[in-house]
Amino acid sequence: MSMHISSSCKIACMKPMSCHEQEHPELAATTTNSGFNWLEDSISFLTADVDIAGAGYGWWSNPAAAQQDDIGSVVAQTLSPPAPLLTTTSPPLAHTSPSIASPAVSSPSEPSFRKRKSPAHRASAHSGSNQRRRADQDRPGAGSGSGSKKGSSKGGGAGSDRDTRWAEQLLNPCTAAVEAGNLSRVQHLFYVLGELASFSGDANHRLAAHGLRALARRLPAAVGPAAAATVRVPTCECPTPAFAGAELRLFRASLIRFHEVSPWFALPNALANAAIAQAASRGGSAEPRPLHVVDLGVSHGVQWPTLLESLTRLPGGRAPPSVRLTVAGPAATPPAPFSSSPPGYDFSPHLLRYAKSINLQLAISRAASLDSVHHGLASPPGEALVVCLQFRLGHAGADERTEILRKVRGLNPELVVVSELDGGGDGTAAGEFTARLELLWRFLESTSAAFKGRDGEERRLLEAEAGTSVASEAAGAGREAWRERMAAAGFEESAFGDEAVESAKSLLRKYDGGWEMLASGAAGAVALRWKGQPVSFCSLWRPACSG
């Protein structure tokens, strides 16, 4: 019992507000009107050289030593030695190992875990945590990553900072326990995670919150509803509204802001635009060709102003006489993070207004499915058809991916741009969960650096949507697996031009120094990495020559 009390006291002082204390968090920042006029008066934010990062972000690279030591001791106490296996037919709290911190159970009727500290103590701990974060923000960065001029370090990603990534050290054995039906172990880890998890702490606290929520939803399917009901699950629901349920102004502002501060989507979008512009300028005829782009992506219109502007600057006056943009809705592919938008969101009027201002003839249509795209092709002679397939198939099942790629091949496009997250597990439920945690960690850590540690509505909305990826049951895939899939669907890989690669490198220098990109030369794909670890790739494909 003394061990439990000691651990509880440590946990209580280690973090800001836990999930237990976060039922109605106050929004920390309000959005400004400056981001809401996109495409109405100007889109200079998408094309101008904006210095985004400033000095290095040393605030996140080295957590406060005392806080880290406390959390490290709790993690070590929780994980060693493991609890004895308890079958799914027995109550999870009937017998507990004294070597693992667990809550003192006073009554089976108590439905939730409760913090053992006063409101004044909670306020003091939260204030102290905020003061530590503000002090850390003034700390200089450590080193610089290749491919960028800014100040935070690549740091070896999966190696040098592994000891500070305590959330994964708890979540990974927890998912193994869930899959094994070890309910006693699950109960212990749920308790510790519930005390540490927070949607407004640092990247570790946020990862713990998203991971705990995903595991709680996975538990009934893994062990059965009856067994799952015997486990007390900490309340840890994300207070941020769903991406597709956000207020329209916040949704739009979040998309714009994320492209300004992070290359997560901005770099693949820039590479895709460069490839599309190059495809539009090609062709045997002396006259410019019409261009048709099928948008199977997650940019919600933010990607396209830069493309339209670049088309007007093609050398030799080869701007397309007309441009068609067909936007495939979320139902065209299986659900994927960032693929849906709130009801009533429509970027078409803004984009059409911008195209008119630069004297470019643009038509926009929407398609509910790839079949309707096929039926509505009716292409003008010589039209260049490009399919932009970005971040929509990573959570699809194997058969679904095969069918969608077959339909894309049936459109007979001149070019297909494929961008996806670069990561996959070993095929087991626990292995895939671990791989998804890795990618979410890179999102949370890089987004924290991008927003300089500041919390706010925009950051919370983006992180909440990214957090849904952990609950996916589809197996992930790396770049090599996608090469095999595209080849099987009848495509052959093509390389980006030197100009596109150099432009992407120039763009990346505007962001935090932890980012880098790797171009694979003749192999074609360009990889985006955070602190030396893979995040995503962008690749080009053309229909393979028959025979």
Foldseek 3Di string as FASTA:
>chain_A
DVVQVVLLVLLLQQWADFLLRPQDDDFDDDDDPPLQCDLPPDPCLLPPQDQFFPAAQQLPPDADPVSLVSLLVLLVQAPPPFWDFDALVDQLVPDTDPSHHADDDPDPVDQADDRPDDPVSNVVSNVVLVVSSVVSLPDGADDFFPLADHGHFLCQQCPRCVSSLSLLSLLLVLVVCLLVRRSNSVQRSQRSLRSQADCQTALNNNLSLLSLVLSLVCNCVRRNPVSSVSHRHHNRDQNFDAQQADDQSLNSSLLSLCLSQDCLPVLLLLLVLLVQLVLQQDDDDPAGAEEEEEEQEQSLPSSPVVSLVVLCVDPPRNRHQAYEYEYAALQQFPDFQNRHHYPPDDCVVSNCSSSVVSVHHYHYHYDPHLVVVLVPCPDDPPYAYEYENERRPQLPAPVRLLVSLLSVVVSQHQKYKYKHWAWWFDPDQSRRLSGLSSLLSLVSNQLCSSVSNDGRSSSSNNSVSSSVSSNRPHTGHHPVVVCVSNVVSQKDWAARDPVSVVVSSVVSNSYHRQWDWDGPPRNHKIFIDGSPHTTMIMTMIHGHDDD
